[in-house]
Amino acid sequence: MKPKIDNTKFGSITIEGEEYEKDVLIRLSGNIKKRKKKLSKAIYGTSHKISLDEAEHVYENGAEKIIIGSGQNGMVELSDEARDFFKAKGCKVKLCPTPEAIDKWNCAKGKVIGLFHLTC
């Protein structure tokens, strides 16, 4: 079951009434996990560029789409390698500022993964 995201503000996201203060990954199962941004930070020195390592961690077999909330001001981007990885898997990517990504998440159908950055 895909959990409903209630809202976001700088530094937090509320999902099904529970507030999270760390970036989150929502799995196909609906399970909410802390984002492993260290996978990207180890390569780029920042979590604002999603690495191939992080993309491989995020992806699940059968996923049709990943919605990425790129932060309140849209600072997160995909590396070329991560973009190519998702494309090779046939997984569409929607990257947009987190408030917009939440709207897309709540309306999304099918097998969707969510990754949401909560600051910048």
C-alpha atoms as a PDB file:
ATOM      1  CA  MET A   1       0.000   0.000   0.000  1.00  0.00           C
ATOM      2  CA  LYS A   2       1.353   3.396  -1.014  1.00  0.00           C
ATOM      3  CA  PRO A   3       1.335   5.744   1.998  1.00  0.00           C
ATOM      4  CA  LYS A   4      -0.147   9.224   1.591  1.00  0.00           C
ATOM      5  CA  ILE A   5       2.198  12.124   2.151  1.00  0.00           C
ATOM      6  CA  ASP A   6       0.425  14.812   4.144  1.00  0.00           C
ATOM      7  CA  ASN A   7       2.856  17.710   3.733  1.00  0.00           C
ATOM      8  CA  THR A   8       6.410  18.966   3.884  1.00  0.00           C
ATOM      9  CA  LYS A   9       8.296  21.947   5.177  1.00  0.00           C
ATOM     10  CA  PHE A  10      11.998  22.733   5.274  1.00  0.00           C
ATOM     11  CA  GLY A  11      13.592  19.832   7.172  1.00  0.00           C
ATOM     12  CA  SER A  12      10.579  17.560   7.555  1.00  0.00           C
ATOM     13  CA  ILE A  13       7.948  15.507   5.773  1.00  0.00           C
ATOM     14  CA  THR A  14       4.730  14.129   7.243  1.00  0.00           C
ATOM     15  CA  ILE A  15       3.577  10.741   5.971  1.00  0.00           C
ATOM     16  CA  GLU A  16       0.326   9.183   7.215  1.00  0.00           C
ATOM     17  CA  GLY A  17       0.431  11.563  10.188  1.00  0.00           C
ATOM     18  CA  GLU A  18       4.018  10.733  11.206  1.00  0.00           C
ATOM     19  CA  GLU A  19       6.701  13.392  10.890  1.00  0.00           C
ATOM     20  CA  TYR A  20      10.167  12.481   9.579  1.00  0.00           C
ATOM     21  CA  GLU A  21      13.152  14.799   9.875  1.00  0.00           C
ATOM     22  CA  LYS A  22      15.534  12.847   7.634  1.00  0.00           C
ATOM     23  CA  ASP A  23      15.397  12.284   3.873  1.00  0.00           C
ATOM     24  CA  VAL A  24      13.190   9.284   3.167  1.00  0.00           C
ATOM     25  CA  LEU A  25      12.900   6.436   0.692  1.00  0.00           C
ATOM     26  CA  ILE A  26       9.476   4.883   0.195  1.00  0.00           C
ATOM     27  CA  ARG A  27       9.746   1.323  -1.084  1.00  0.00           C
ATOM     28  CA  LEU A  28       7.298  -0.441  -3.418  1.00  0.00           C
ATOM     29  CA  SER A  29       5.886  -2.163  -0.332  1.00  0.00           C
ATOM     30  CA  GLY A  30       5.111   1.231   1.228  1.00  0.00           C
ATOM     31  CA  ASN A  31       7.826   0.795   3.850  1.00  0.00           C
ATOM     32  CA  ILE A  32       9.501   4.074   4.740  1.00  0.00           C
ATOM     33  CA  LYS A  33      13.272   4.014   5.168  1.00  0.00           C
ATOM     34  CA  LYS A  34      15.916   6.631   5.866  1.00  0.00           C
ATOM     35  CA  ARG A  35      17.659   7.641   2.636  1.00  0.00           C
ATOM     36  CA  LYS A  36      21.225   6.300   2.381  1.00  0.00           C
ATOM     37  CA  LYS A  37      22.627   9.570   1.071  1.00  0.00           C
ATOM     38  CA  LYS A  38      26.127   8.598   2.215  1.00  0.00           C
ATOM     39  CA  LEU A  39      26.278   6.444  -0.943  1.00  0.00           C
ATOM     40  CA  SER A  40      26.252   9.632  -3.021  1.00  0.00           C
ATOM     41  CA  LYS A  41      28.208  11.779  -0.583  1.00  0.00           C
ATOM     42  CA  ALA A  42      31.124   9.305  -0.687  1.00  0.00           C
ATOM     43  CA  ILE A  43      31.465   9.865  -4.440  1.00  0.00           C
ATOM     44  CA  TYR A  44      30.508  13.510  -4.958  1.00  0.00           C
ATOM     45  CA  GLY A  45      31.113  15.017  -1.524  1.00  0.00           C
ATOM     46  CA  THR A  46      27.451  16.006  -1.421  1.00  0.00           C
ATOM     47  CA  SER A  47      24.084  14.297  -1.215  1.00  0.00           C
ATOM     48  CA  HIS A  48      22.734  16.767  -3.796  1.00  0.00           C
ATOM     49  CA  LYS A  49      23.870  14.559  -6.683  1.00  0.00           C
ATOM     50  CA  ILE A  50      22.475  11.028  -6.737  1.00  0.00           C
ATOM     51  CA  SER A  51      25.197   8.529  -7.590  1.00  0.00           C
ATOM     52  CA  LEU A  52      24.944   5.234  -9.421  1.00  0.00           C
ATOM     53  CA  ASP A  53      25.554   3.461  -6.076  1.00  0.00           C
ATOM     54  CA  GLU A  54      22.567   5.190  -4.519  1.00  0.00           C
ATOM     55  CA  ALA A  55      20.426   4.578  -7.609  1.00  0.00           C
ATOM     56  CA  GLU A  56      21.225   0.861  -7.417  1.00  0.00           C
ATOM     57  CA  HIS A  57      20.236   0.859  -3.734  1.00  0.00           C
ATOM     58  CA  VAL A  58      16.980   2.728  -4.399  1.00  0.00           C
ATOM     59  CA  TYR A  59      15.787   0.685  -7.382  1.00  0.00           C
ATOM     60  CA  GLU A  60      13.647  -2.421  -6.889  1.00  0.00           C
ATOM     61  CA  ASN A  61      12.825  -4.967  -9.581  1.00  0.00           C
ATOM     62  CA  GLY A  62       9.485  -4.209 -11.169  1.00  0.00           C
ATOM     63  CA  ALA A  63       9.507  -0.483 -10.359  1.00  0.00           C
ATOM     64  CA  GLU A  64       7.890   1.498 -13.163  1.00  0.00           C
ATOM     65  CA  LYS A  65       8.663   4.970 -11.863  1.00  0.00           C
ATOM     66  CA  ILE A  66      10.670   6.780  -9.241  1.00  0.00           C
ATOM     67  CA  ILE A  67       9.519  10.135  -7.972  1.00  0.00           C
ATOM     68  CA  ILE A  68      12.368  12.174  -6.531  1.00  0.00           C
ATOM     69  CA  GLY A  69      11.686  15.189  -4.367  1.00  0.00           C
ATOM     70  CA  SER A  70      14.754  17.309  -5.062  1.00  0.00           C
ATOM     71  CA  GLY A  71      14.427  19.478  -1.947  1.00  0.00           C
ATOM     72  CA  GLN A  72      12.350  22.506  -1.070  1.00  0.00           C
ATOM     73  CA  ASN A  73      14.292  24.575  -3.615  1.00  0.00           C
ATOM     74  CA  GLY A  74      15.103  21.749  -6.044  1.00  0.00           C
ATOM     75  CA  MET A  75      18.838  21.366  -5.364  1.00  0.00           C
ATOM     76  CA  VAL A  76      19.155  17.574  -5.849  1.00  0.00           C
ATOM     77  CA  GLU A  77      20.049  16.220  -9.281  1.00  0.00           C
ATOM     78  CA  LEU A  78      20.714  12.822 -10.826  1.00  0.00           C
ATOM     79  CA  SER A  79      24.176  11.916 -12.041  1.00  0.00           C
ATOM     80  CA  ASP A  80      24.334  10.842 -15.677  1.00  0.00           C
ATOM     81  CA  GLU A  81      25.183   7.319 -14.498  1.00  0.00           C
ATOM     82  CA  ALA A  82      22.106   7.164 -12.232  1.00  0.00           C
ATOM     83  CA  ARG A  83      19.873   8.497 -15.013  1.00  0.00           C
ATOM     84  CA  ASP A  84      21.261   5.888 -17.437  1.00  0.00           C
ATOM     85  CA  PHE A  85      20.777   3.139 -14.844  1.00  0.00           C
ATOM     86  CA  PHE A  86      17.088   3.932 -14.318  1.00  0.00           C
ATOM     87  CA  LYS A  87      16.561   4.207 -18.083  1.00  0.00           C
ATOM     88  CA  ALA A  88      18.188   0.804 -18.659  1.00  0.00           C
ATOM     89  CA  LYS A  89      15.828  -0.686 -16.068  1.00  0.00           C
ATOM     90  CA  GLY A  90      12.813   0.839 -17.826  1.00  0.00           C
ATOM     91  CA  CYS A  91      12.064   2.947 -14.753  1.00  0.00           C
ATOM     92  CA  LYS A  92      10.824   6.457 -15.493  1.00  0.00           C
ATOM     93  CA  VAL A  93      12.173   9.260 -13.310  1.00  0.00           C
ATOM     94  CA  LYS A  94      10.248  12.333 -12.212  1.00  0.00           C
ATOM     95  CA  LEU A  95      12.603  14.791 -10.488  1.00  0.00           C
ATOM     96  CA  CYS A  96      11.061  17.976  -9.106  1.00  0.00           C
ATOM     97  CA  PRO A  97      11.055  20.101  -5.940  1.00  0.00           C
ATOM     98  CA  THR A  98       9.753  18.149  -2.954  1.00  0.00           C
ATOM     99  CA  PRO A  99       6.415  20.007  -2.585  1.00  0.00           C
ATOM    100  CA  GLU A 100       5.595  19.257  -6.249  1.00  0.00           C
ATOM    101  CA  ALA A 101       6.917  15.689  -5.947  1.00  0.00           C
ATOM    102  CA  ILE A 102       4.527  15.059  -3.058  1.00  0.00           C
ATOM    103  CA  ASP A 103       1.562  15.972  -5.258  1.00  0.00           C
ATOM    104  CA  LYS A 104       2.869  13.642  -7.972  1.00  0.00           C
ATOM    105  CA  TRP A 105       3.408  10.868  -5.402  1.00  0.00           C
ATOM    106  CA  ASN A 106      -0.095  11.133  -3.988  1.00  0.00           C
ATOM    107  CA  CYS A 107      -1.601  10.906  -7.506  1.00  0.00           C
ATOM    108  CA  ALA A 108       0.755   8.211  -8.832  1.00  0.00           C
ATOM    109  CA  LYS A 109      -0.528   4.814  -9.894  1.00  0.00           C
ATOM    110  CA  GLY A 110       1.362   1.586 -10.382  1.00  0.00           C
ATOM    111  CA  LYS A 111       4.687   0.425  -8.999  1.00  0.00           C
ATOM    112  CA  VAL A 112       6.280   3.631  -7.732  1.00  0.00           C
ATOM    113  CA  ILE A 113       9.255   4.344  -5.488  1.00  0.00           C
ATOM    114  CA  GLY A 114       9.637   7.698  -3.723  1.00  0.00           C
ATOM    115  CA  LEU A 115      12.825   9.449  -2.636  1.00  0.00           C
ATOM    116  CA  PHE A 116      12.423  12.781  -0.860  1.00  0.00           C
ATOM    117  CA  HIS A 117      15.097  15.320   0.119  1.00  0.00           C
ATOM    118  CA  LEU A 118      13.780  17.606   2.865  1.00  0.00           C
ATOM    119  CA  THR A 119      16.042  20.651   2.871  1.00  0.00           C
ATOM    120  CA  CYS A 120      17.480  22.968   0.186  1.00  0.00           C
END
